[in-house]
Amino acid sequence: MSSKKKNTPLPASSAGLLTFFNEETKGIKIRPEIVLIGSIALIALSIIINAFFR
């Protein structure tokens, strides 16, 4: 191996990012699945309403 590959620094760890997301925050807590299902339902509802009232 070349000397450049041996001396390259390792990427920074993501420990700080994990610590950030593990902290408790104030506000409403909603699971991502519920948000995804709700947004898909809202899109489907708007398409159905648009189709009926044209």
C-alpha atoms as a PDB file:
ATOM      1  CA  MET A   1       0.000   0.000   0.000  1.00  0.00           C
ATOM      2  CA  SER A   2       1.123   3.523  -0.571  1.00  0.00           C
ATOM      3  CA  SER A   3       2.051   5.754   2.330  1.00  0.00           C
ATOM      4  CA  LYS A   4      -0.861   8.108   1.563  1.00  0.00           C
ATOM      5  CA  LYS A   5      -3.462   5.406   2.248  1.00  0.00           C
ATOM      6  CA  LYS A   6      -1.829   4.436   5.538  1.00  0.00           C
ATOM      7  CA  ASN A   7      -1.707   8.006   6.847  1.00  0.00           C
ATOM      8  CA  THR A   8      -5.221   9.091   5.959  1.00  0.00           C
ATOM      9  CA  PRO A   9      -7.336  10.016   8.975  1.00  0.00           C
ATOM     10  CA  LEU A  10     -10.384   7.960   9.803  1.00  0.00           C
ATOM     11  CA  PRO A  11     -13.812   9.559   9.372  1.00  0.00           C
ATOM     12  CA  ALA A  12     -15.340  11.187  12.416  1.00  0.00           C
ATOM     13  CA  SER A  13     -17.585   8.936  14.444  1.00  0.00           C
ATOM     14  CA  SER A  14     -21.307   9.541  14.604  1.00  0.00           C
ATOM     15  CA  ALA A  15     -21.431   9.372  18.404  1.00  0.00           C
ATOM     16  CA  GLY A  16     -22.364  13.053  18.641  1.00  0.00           C
ATOM     17  CA  LEU A  17     -25.253  12.555  16.229  1.00  0.00           C
ATOM     18  CA  LEU A  18     -26.557   9.573  18.170  1.00  0.00           C
ATOM     19  CA  THR A  19     -26.363  11.524  21.402  1.00  0.00           C
ATOM     20  CA  PHE A  20     -28.329  14.366  19.819  1.00  0.00           C
ATOM     21  CA  PHE A  21     -31.184  12.118  18.720  1.00  0.00           C
ATOM     22  CA  ASN A  22     -31.335  10.275  22.046  1.00  0.00           C
ATOM     23  CA  GLU A  23     -32.073  13.479  23.961  1.00  0.00           C
ATOM     24  CA  GLU A  24     -35.646  14.032  25.063  1.00  0.00           C
ATOM     25  CA  THR A  25     -37.371  17.059  23.568  1.00  0.00           C
ATOM     26  CA  LYS A  26     -40.638  18.773  24.382  1.00  0.00           C
ATOM     27  CA  GLY A  27     -43.558  18.496  22.013  1.00  0.00           C
ATOM     28  CA  ILE A  28     -45.756  15.940  20.341  1.00  0.00           C
ATOM     29  CA  LYS A  29     -44.124  12.600  19.661  1.00  0.00           C
ATOM     30  CA  ILE A  30     -45.489  10.787  16.598  1.00  0.00           C
ATOM     31  CA  ARG A  31     -44.074   7.621  15.100  1.00  0.00           C
ATOM     32  CA  PRO A  32     -42.758   8.019  11.533  1.00  0.00           C
ATOM     33  CA  GLU A  33     -45.072   5.263  10.276  1.00  0.00           C
ATOM     34  CA  ILE A  34     -48.132   7.238  11.344  1.00  0.00           C
ATOM     35  CA  VAL A  35     -46.862  10.366   9.586  1.00  0.00           C
ATOM     36  CA  LEU A  36     -46.197   8.393   6.401  1.00  0.00           C
ATOM     37  CA  ILE A  37     -49.611   6.694   6.437  1.00  0.00           C
ATOM     38  CA  GLY A  38     -51.350   9.995   7.168  1.00  0.00           C
ATOM     39  CA  SER A  39     -49.635  11.794   4.316  1.00  0.00           C
ATOM     40  CA  ILE A  40     -50.425   8.980   1.860  1.00  0.00           C
ATOM     41  CA  ALA A  41     -54.065   9.018   3.007  1.00  0.00           C
ATOM     42  CA  LEU A  42     -54.248  12.790   2.565  1.00  0.00           C
ATOM     43  CA  ILE A  43     -52.831  12.550  -0.968  1.00  0.00           C
ATOM     44  CA  ALA A  44     -55.274   9.761  -1.869  1.00  0.00           C
ATOM     45  CA  LEU A  45     -58.193  11.727  -0.411  1.00  0.00           C
ATOM     46  CA  SER A  46     -57.288  14.837  -2.395  1.00  0.00           C
ATOM     47  CA  ILE A  47     -57.047  12.806  -5.624  1.00  0.00           C
ATOM     48  CA  ILE A  48     -60.450  11.201  -4.966  1.00  0.00           C
ATOM     49  CA  ILE A  49     -62.093  14.557  -4.171  1.00  0.00           C
ATOM     50  CA  ASN A  50     -60.528  16.101  -7.261  1.00  0.00           C
ATOM     51  CA  ALA A  51     -61.843  13.239  -9.436  1.00  0.00           C
ATOM     52  CA  PHE A  52     -65.421  13.502  -8.118  1.00  0.00           C
ATOM     53  CA  PHE A  53     -65.789  17.283  -8.300  1.00  0.00           C
ATOM     54  CA  ARG A  54     -64.426  17.954 -11.785  1.00  0.00           C
END
